[in-house]
Amino acid sequence: MKQTHDYLGSSDDPKNALKGQVLMLQLKGAGYAAAFCLAIVLGILAIAWIGRALPEASRDTQDPTPYSFDLTVETAQVV
């Protein structure tokens, strides 16, 4: 059984029905985009909150891997 919902009341005019369907799809896509952006913002805020919850002493400590940024390239010498 197929259920058709005519939310826009434009069942008699196919041009208006197409415009309504496009509008509904655009609003649905905008809702998905808003939910995605809100999830990203909430994730960033959660990470920032965790960072502020850390004690002050943890911000002043040295890097646990001080040589991880060392990117020197050793050149090979031909003998």
C-alpha atoms as a PDB file:
ATOM      1  CA  MET A   1       0.000   0.000   0.000  1.00  0.00           C
ATOM      2  CA  LYS A   2       1.557   3.236  -1.142  1.00  0.00           C
ATOM      3  CA  GLN A   3       1.032   6.251   1.058  1.00  0.00           C
ATOM      4  CA  THR A   4       1.421   9.634  -0.551  1.00  0.00           C
ATOM      5  CA  HIS A   5       1.615  12.637   1.690  1.00  0.00           C
ATOM      6  CA  ASP A   6       0.812  15.899  -0.016  1.00  0.00           C
ATOM      7  CA  TYR A   7       2.265  18.278   2.547  1.00  0.00           C
ATOM      8  CA  LEU A   8       2.242  21.268   0.220  1.00  0.00           C
ATOM      9  CA  GLY A   9      -1.251  20.772  -1.199  1.00  0.00           C
ATOM     10  CA  SER A  10      -0.060  20.898  -4.798  1.00  0.00           C
ATOM     11  CA  SER A  11      -1.264  17.573  -6.148  1.00  0.00           C
ATOM     12  CA  ASP A  12      -3.155  19.183  -9.030  1.00  0.00           C
ATOM     13  CA  ASP A  13      -0.195  21.142 -10.470  1.00  0.00           C
ATOM     14  CA  PRO A  14       2.902  19.054 -11.296  1.00  0.00           C
ATOM     15  CA  LYS A  15       5.120  22.150 -11.561  1.00  0.00           C
ATOM     16  CA  ASN A  16       4.261  23.252  -8.032  1.00  0.00           C
ATOM     17  CA  ALA A  17       4.646  19.682  -6.794  1.00  0.00           C
ATOM     18  CA  LEU A  18       8.185  19.543  -8.227  1.00  0.00           C
ATOM     19  CA  LYS A  19       9.060  22.892  -6.654  1.00  0.00           C
ATOM     20  CA  GLY A  20       7.754  21.657  -3.325  1.00  0.00           C
ATOM     21  CA  GLN A  21       9.725  18.428  -3.520  1.00  0.00           C
ATOM     22  CA  VAL A  22      12.922  20.323  -4.355  1.00  0.00           C
ATOM     23  CA  LEU A  23      12.292  22.706  -1.462  1.00  0.00           C
ATOM     24  CA  MET A  24      11.746  19.813   0.950  1.00  0.00           C
ATOM     25  CA  LEU A  25      14.946  18.121  -0.233  1.00  0.00           C
ATOM     26  CA  GLN A  26      16.894  21.360   0.221  1.00  0.00           C
ATOM     27  CA  LEU A  27      15.530  21.794   3.741  1.00  0.00           C
ATOM     28  CA  LYS A  28      16.371  18.172   4.548  1.00  0.00           C
ATOM     29  CA  GLY A  29      19.946  18.673   3.300  1.00  0.00           C
ATOM     30  CA  ALA A  30      20.261  21.887   5.302  1.00  0.00           C
ATOM     31  CA  GLY A  31      19.130  20.009   8.393  1.00  0.00           C
ATOM     32  CA  TYR A  32      21.730  17.296   7.838  1.00  0.00           C
ATOM     33  CA  ALA A  33      24.439  19.948   7.327  1.00  0.00           C
ATOM     34  CA  ALA A  34      23.393  21.759  10.501  1.00  0.00           C
ATOM     35  CA  ALA A  35      23.496  18.507  12.489  1.00  0.00           C
ATOM     36  CA  PHE A  36      26.959  17.686  11.098  1.00  0.00           C
ATOM     37  CA  CYS A  37      28.338  21.150  11.909  1.00  0.00           C
ATOM     38  CA  LEU A  38      26.798  21.048  15.375  1.00  0.00           C
ATOM     39  CA  ALA A  39      28.439  17.670  16.032  1.00  0.00           C
ATOM     40  CA  ILE A  40      31.840  19.065  15.007  1.00  0.00           C
ATOM     41  CA  VAL A  41      31.423  22.153  17.209  1.00  0.00           C
ATOM     42  CA  LEU A  42      30.363  20.021  20.173  1.00  0.00           C
ATOM     43  CA  GLY A  43      33.403  17.774  19.641  1.00  0.00           C
ATOM     44  CA  ILE A  44      35.748  20.763  19.614  1.00  0.00           C
ATOM     45  CA  LEU A  45      34.098  22.185  22.730  1.00  0.00           C
ATOM     46  CA  ALA A  46      34.446  18.824  24.510  1.00  0.00           C
ATOM     47  CA  ILE A  47      38.167  18.684  23.695  1.00  0.00           C
ATOM     48  CA  ALA A  48      38.598  22.279  24.900  1.00  0.00           C
ATOM     49  CA  TRP A  49      36.726  21.482  28.116  1.00  0.00           C
ATOM     50  CA  ILE A  50      38.960  18.471  28.768  1.00  0.00           C
ATOM     51  CA  GLY A  51      42.018  20.656  28.146  1.00  0.00           C
ATOM     52  CA  ARG A  52      40.835  23.219  30.676  1.00  0.00           C
ATOM     53  CA  ALA A  53      40.053  20.487  33.206  1.00  0.00           C
ATOM     54  CA  LEU A  54      43.715  19.434  33.279  1.00  0.00           C
ATOM     55  CA  PRO A  55      45.829  20.841  36.104  1.00  0.00           C
ATOM     56  CA  GLU A  56      48.003  23.901  35.457  1.00  0.00           C
ATOM     57  CA  ALA A  57      51.203  21.942  36.090  1.00  0.00           C
ATOM     58  CA  SER A  58      50.494  19.644  33.154  1.00  0.00           C
ATOM     59  CA  ARG A  59      50.628  22.591  30.750  1.00  0.00           C
ATOM     60  CA  ASP A  60      54.164  23.561  31.782  1.00  0.00           C
ATOM     61  CA  THR A  61      55.809  20.137  31.606  1.00  0.00           C
ATOM     62  CA  GLN A  62      58.289  19.122  28.946  1.00  0.00           C
ATOM     63  CA  ASP A  63      57.314  17.103  25.918  1.00  0.00           C
ATOM     64  CA  PRO A  64      57.452  13.364  26.721  1.00  0.00           C
ATOM     65  CA  THR A  65      59.094  12.667  23.348  1.00  0.00           C
ATOM     66  CA  PRO A  66      61.503  15.569  22.829  1.00  0.00           C
ATOM     67  CA  TYR A  67      63.202  14.043  19.790  1.00  0.00           C
ATOM     68  CA  SER A  68      60.044  13.232  17.865  1.00  0.00           C
ATOM     69  CA  PHE A  69      60.286  16.503  15.960  1.00  0.00           C
ATOM     70  CA  ASP A  70      63.929  15.938  14.902  1.00  0.00           C
ATOM     71  CA  LEU A  71      63.796  15.548  11.120  1.00  0.00           C
ATOM     72  CA  THR A  72      67.475  15.733  10.221  1.00  0.00           C
ATOM     73  CA  VAL A  73      68.506  13.750   7.175  1.00  0.00           C
ATOM     74  CA  GLU A  74      71.780  11.866   7.383  1.00  0.00           C
ATOM     75  CA  THR A  75      73.712  11.895   4.150  1.00  0.00           C
ATOM     76  CA  ALA A  76      75.496   8.768   2.992  1.00  0.00           C
ATOM     77  CA  GLN A  77      79.180   9.105   2.163  1.00  0.00           C
ATOM     78  CA  VAL A  78      80.720   7.073  -0.632  1.00  0.00           C
ATOM     79  CA  VAL A  79      84.095   5.583   0.344  1.00  0.00           C
END
